[in-house]
Amino acid sequence: MRYSLIAVAMLLGTLPLGACATGPQEVAYSTPTVSYRVLPGDERLAEDKARDFCGRYRSDPVLVDTVRQGREWVATFECR
């Protein structure tokens, strides 16, 4: 009888661990992006900055959009 109580206690002690093992499940993911204002001729500087930013995520920048705002451009990079 004593052994069966110990076995039940051990089994019940592992239940919370089993429930936590699955943990939160990912339902959405967004790729990190960064945007820079760029003057004509400074495109390379924006790419270099984006490379530094994306390095935090061990990925490379890919130019995904450019929008003109007056004399400047806004370049948006996605880390892939």
N, C-alpha and C. Protein backbone atom coordinates (compact mmCIF):
# COMPACT_ATOMS: atom_id res chain seq x y z
N MET A 1 0.83 -1.19 0.00
CA MET A 1 0.00 0.00 0.00
C MET A 1 0.87 1.25 0.00
N ARG A 2 1.94 1.21 0.79
CA ARG A 2 2.80 2.37 0.87
C ARG A 2 3.46 2.67 -0.48
N TYR A 3 3.87 1.62 -1.18
CA TYR A 3 4.51 1.81 -2.48
C TYR A 3 3.54 2.40 -3.50
N SER A 4 2.28 2.02 -3.45
CA SER A 4 1.32 2.55 -4.41
C SER A 4 1.05 4.03 -4.15
N LEU A 5 1.07 4.47 -2.88
CA LEU A 5 0.91 5.88 -2.57
C LEU A 5 2.09 6.70 -3.08
N ILE A 6 3.28 6.14 -2.94
CA ILE A 6 4.48 6.82 -3.44
C ILE A 6 4.42 6.92 -4.96
N ALA A 7 4.00 5.86 -5.61
CA ALA A 7 3.91 5.86 -7.08
C ALA A 7 2.89 6.90 -7.55
N VAL A 8 1.75 6.98 -6.86
CA VAL A 8 0.73 7.96 -7.23
C VAL A 8 1.26 9.38 -7.01
N ALA A 9 1.95 9.60 -5.92
CA ALA A 9 2.50 10.92 -5.63
C ALA A 9 3.53 11.31 -6.69
N MET A 10 4.36 10.35 -7.10
CA MET A 10 5.36 10.65 -8.14
C MET A 10 4.67 10.96 -9.46
N LEU A 11 3.64 10.22 -9.79
CA LEU A 11 2.91 10.45 -11.03
C LEU A 11 2.24 11.82 -11.02
N LEU A 12 1.60 12.16 -9.92
CA LEU A 12 0.94 13.46 -9.82
C LEU A 12 1.96 14.60 -9.83
N GLY A 13 3.14 14.37 -9.31
CA GLY A 13 4.19 15.39 -9.30
C GLY A 13 4.70 15.71 -10.69
N THR A 14 4.57 14.79 -11.64
CA THR A 14 5.06 15.03 -13.00
C THR A 14 4.01 15.69 -13.89
N LEU A 15 2.76 15.71 -13.48
CA LEU A 15 1.71 16.30 -14.33
C LEU A 15 1.95 17.76 -14.66
N PRO A 16 2.29 18.61 -13.71
CA PRO A 16 2.53 20.01 -14.09
C PRO A 16 3.68 20.16 -15.07
N LEU A 17 4.69 19.33 -14.95
CA LEU A 17 5.81 19.41 -15.89
C LEU A 17 5.36 19.05 -17.30
N GLY A 18 4.53 18.06 -17.41
CA GLY A 18 4.03 17.67 -18.73
C GLY A 18 3.19 18.76 -19.37
N ALA A 19 2.42 19.44 -18.56
CA ALA A 19 1.58 20.52 -19.09
C ALA A 19 2.43 21.69 -19.56
N CYS A 20 3.54 21.96 -18.89
CA CYS A 20 4.42 23.07 -19.26
C CYS A 20 5.33 22.72 -20.42
N ALA A 21 5.50 21.46 -20.70
CA ALA A 21 6.44 21.05 -21.74
C ALA A 21 6.01 21.57 -23.11
N THR A 22 4.73 21.64 -23.35
CA THR A 22 4.29 22.12 -24.65
C THR A 22 4.41 23.64 -24.73
N GLY A 23 4.07 24.35 -23.67
CA GLY A 23 4.24 25.79 -23.60
C GLY A 23 3.44 26.53 -24.67
N PRO A 24 3.70 27.82 -24.80
CA PRO A 24 3.00 28.62 -25.81
C PRO A 24 3.35 28.15 -27.22
N GLN A 25 2.38 28.16 -28.07
CA GLN A 25 2.60 27.77 -29.46
C GLN A 25 2.58 29.00 -30.34
N GLU A 26 3.51 29.06 -31.26
CA GLU A 26 3.61 30.20 -32.18
C GLU A 26 2.43 30.18 -33.14
N VAL A 27 1.76 31.32 -33.25
CA VAL A 27 0.63 31.42 -34.18
C VAL A 27 0.88 32.44 -35.28
N ALA A 28 1.88 33.31 -35.08
CA ALA A 28 2.22 34.30 -36.11
C ALA A 28 3.67 34.72 -35.91
N TYR A 29 4.30 35.10 -37.00
CA TYR A 29 5.67 35.56 -36.96
C TYR A 29 5.83 36.68 -37.96
N SER A 30 6.53 37.72 -37.55
CA SER A 30 6.77 38.84 -38.44
C SER A 30 8.28 39.02 -38.61
N THR A 31 8.71 39.09 -39.84
CA THR A 31 10.13 39.28 -40.13
C THR A 31 10.56 40.67 -39.69
N PRO A 32 11.71 40.80 -39.00
CA PRO A 32 12.17 42.14 -38.61
C PRO A 32 12.42 43.01 -39.84
N THR A 33 11.99 44.27 -39.76
CA THR A 33 12.22 45.23 -40.84
C THR A 33 12.79 46.51 -40.25
N VAL A 34 13.45 47.27 -41.10
CA VAL A 34 14.00 48.56 -40.69
C VAL A 34 13.92 49.50 -41.88
N SER A 35 13.62 50.77 -41.62
CA SER A 35 13.51 51.78 -42.68
C SER A 35 14.45 52.95 -42.38
N TYR A 36 15.01 53.52 -43.45
CA TYR A 36 15.94 54.66 -43.32
C TYR A 36 15.57 55.73 -44.35
N ARG A 37 15.72 56.99 -43.94
CA ARG A 37 15.62 58.09 -44.90
C ARG A 37 16.94 58.15 -45.65
N VAL A 38 16.84 58.27 -46.95
CA VAL A 38 18.03 58.22 -47.78
C VAL A 38 18.04 59.39 -48.75
N LEU A 39 19.14 60.12 -48.78
CA LEU A 39 19.33 61.15 -49.79
C LEU A 39 19.95 60.51 -51.02
N PRO A 40 19.74 61.10 -52.20
CA PRO A 40 20.36 60.53 -53.40
C PRO A 40 21.87 60.37 -53.20
N GLY A 41 22.36 59.20 -53.53
CA GLY A 41 23.78 58.91 -53.39
C GLY A 41 24.15 58.22 -52.08
N ASP A 42 23.20 58.15 -51.13
CA ASP A 42 23.49 57.52 -49.84
C ASP A 42 22.88 56.12 -49.69
N GLU A 43 22.48 55.54 -50.78
CA GLU A 43 21.83 54.24 -50.72
C GLU A 43 22.72 53.19 -50.06
N ARG A 44 23.99 53.25 -50.36
CA ARG A 44 24.93 52.25 -49.81
C ARG A 44 25.02 52.36 -48.28
N LEU A 45 24.97 53.60 -47.76
CA LEU A 45 25.02 53.79 -46.31
C LEU A 45 23.79 53.16 -45.64
N ALA A 46 22.64 53.30 -46.26
CA ALA A 46 21.42 52.70 -45.71
C ALA A 46 21.53 51.18 -45.70
N GLU A 47 22.08 50.62 -46.77
CA GLU A 47 22.24 49.17 -46.82
C GLU A 47 23.22 48.69 -45.75
N ASP A 48 24.30 49.45 -45.53
CA ASP A 48 25.26 49.09 -44.49
C ASP A 48 24.61 49.12 -43.11
N LYS A 49 23.81 50.14 -42.85
CA LYS A 49 23.11 50.22 -41.56
C LYS A 49 22.12 49.07 -41.41
N ALA A 50 21.42 48.74 -42.49
CA ALA A 50 20.46 47.63 -42.45
C ALA A 50 21.20 46.32 -42.20
N ARG A 51 22.40 46.18 -42.75
CA ARG A 51 23.19 44.96 -42.53
C ARG A 51 23.54 44.84 -41.05
N ASP A 52 23.91 45.95 -40.42
CA ASP A 52 24.20 45.93 -38.98
C ASP A 52 22.95 45.56 -38.18
N PHE A 53 21.81 46.15 -38.55
CA PHE A 53 20.56 45.87 -37.86
C PHE A 53 20.19 44.40 -37.99
N CYS A 54 20.23 43.88 -39.21
CA CYS A 54 19.83 42.49 -39.45
C CYS A 54 20.82 41.49 -38.86
N GLY A 55 22.05 41.94 -38.64
CA GLY A 55 23.04 41.07 -38.02
C GLY A 55 22.61 40.61 -36.65
N ARG A 56 21.81 41.41 -35.95
CA ARG A 56 21.29 41.01 -34.64
C ARG A 56 20.43 39.76 -34.74
N TYR A 57 19.85 39.55 -35.91
CA TYR A 57 18.97 38.41 -36.14
C TYR A 57 19.65 37.33 -36.99
N ARG A 58 20.95 37.49 -37.16
CA ARG A 58 21.74 36.55 -37.98
C ARG A 58 21.11 36.36 -39.35
N SER A 59 20.77 37.48 -39.98
CA SER A 59 20.17 37.45 -41.30
C SER A 59 20.72 38.60 -42.13
N ASP A 60 20.36 38.60 -43.40
CA ASP A 60 20.83 39.62 -44.34
C ASP A 60 19.68 40.54 -44.74
N PRO A 61 19.98 41.82 -45.00
CA PRO A 61 18.92 42.74 -45.41
C PRO A 61 18.55 42.56 -46.88
N VAL A 62 17.27 42.68 -47.15
CA VAL A 62 16.76 42.65 -48.52
C VAL A 62 15.89 43.89 -48.68
N LEU A 63 16.20 44.71 -49.68
CA LEU A 63 15.40 45.91 -49.94
C LEU A 63 14.03 45.49 -50.44
N VAL A 64 12.98 45.91 -49.72
CA VAL A 64 11.62 45.50 -50.10
C VAL A 64 10.76 46.66 -50.58
N ASP A 65 11.17 47.91 -50.27
CA ASP A 65 10.33 49.03 -50.67
C ASP A 65 11.13 50.32 -50.64
N THR A 66 10.83 51.22 -51.55
CA THR A 66 11.37 52.59 -51.52
C THR A 66 10.22 53.54 -51.82
N VAL A 67 10.13 54.60 -51.04
CA VAL A 67 9.07 55.59 -51.21
C VAL A 67 9.72 56.96 -51.21
N ARG A 68 9.35 57.77 -52.18
CA ARG A 68 9.90 59.12 -52.28
C ARG A 68 9.13 60.07 -51.37
N GLN A 69 9.89 60.86 -50.60
CA GLN A 69 9.31 61.89 -49.75
C GLN A 69 10.10 63.17 -49.98
N GLY A 70 9.62 63.99 -50.91
CA GLY A 70 10.34 65.22 -51.27
C GLY A 70 11.66 64.87 -51.95
N ARG A 71 12.77 65.44 -51.44
CA ARG A 71 14.10 65.14 -52.00
C ARG A 71 14.64 63.81 -51.49
N GLU A 72 14.02 63.29 -50.41
CA GLU A 72 14.52 62.07 -49.79
C GLU A 72 13.74 60.85 -50.24
N TRP A 73 14.33 59.72 -49.97
CA TRP A 73 13.67 58.44 -50.18
C TRP A 73 13.65 57.71 -48.84
N VAL A 74 12.64 56.90 -48.62
CA VAL A 74 12.62 56.02 -47.45
C VAL A 74 12.78 54.61 -47.99
N ALA A 75 13.86 53.98 -47.57
CA ALA A 75 14.18 52.62 -48.01
C ALA A 75 13.86 51.67 -46.86
N THR A 76 13.08 50.64 -47.15
CA THR A 76 12.71 49.65 -46.15
C THR A 76 13.37 48.32 -46.49
N PHE A 77 14.04 47.77 -45.49
CA PHE A 77 14.74 46.49 -45.64
C PHE A 77 14.08 45.46 -44.74
N GLU A 78 14.05 44.23 -45.22
CA GLU A 78 13.53 43.10 -44.44
C GLU A 78 14.71 42.18 -44.15
N CYS A 79 14.80 41.70 -42.93
CA CYS A 79 15.88 40.78 -42.55
C CYS A 79 15.46 39.36 -42.91
N ARG A 80 16.25 38.72 -43.78
CA ARG A 80 15.93 37.34 -44.20
C ARG A 80 17.12 36.44 -44.01
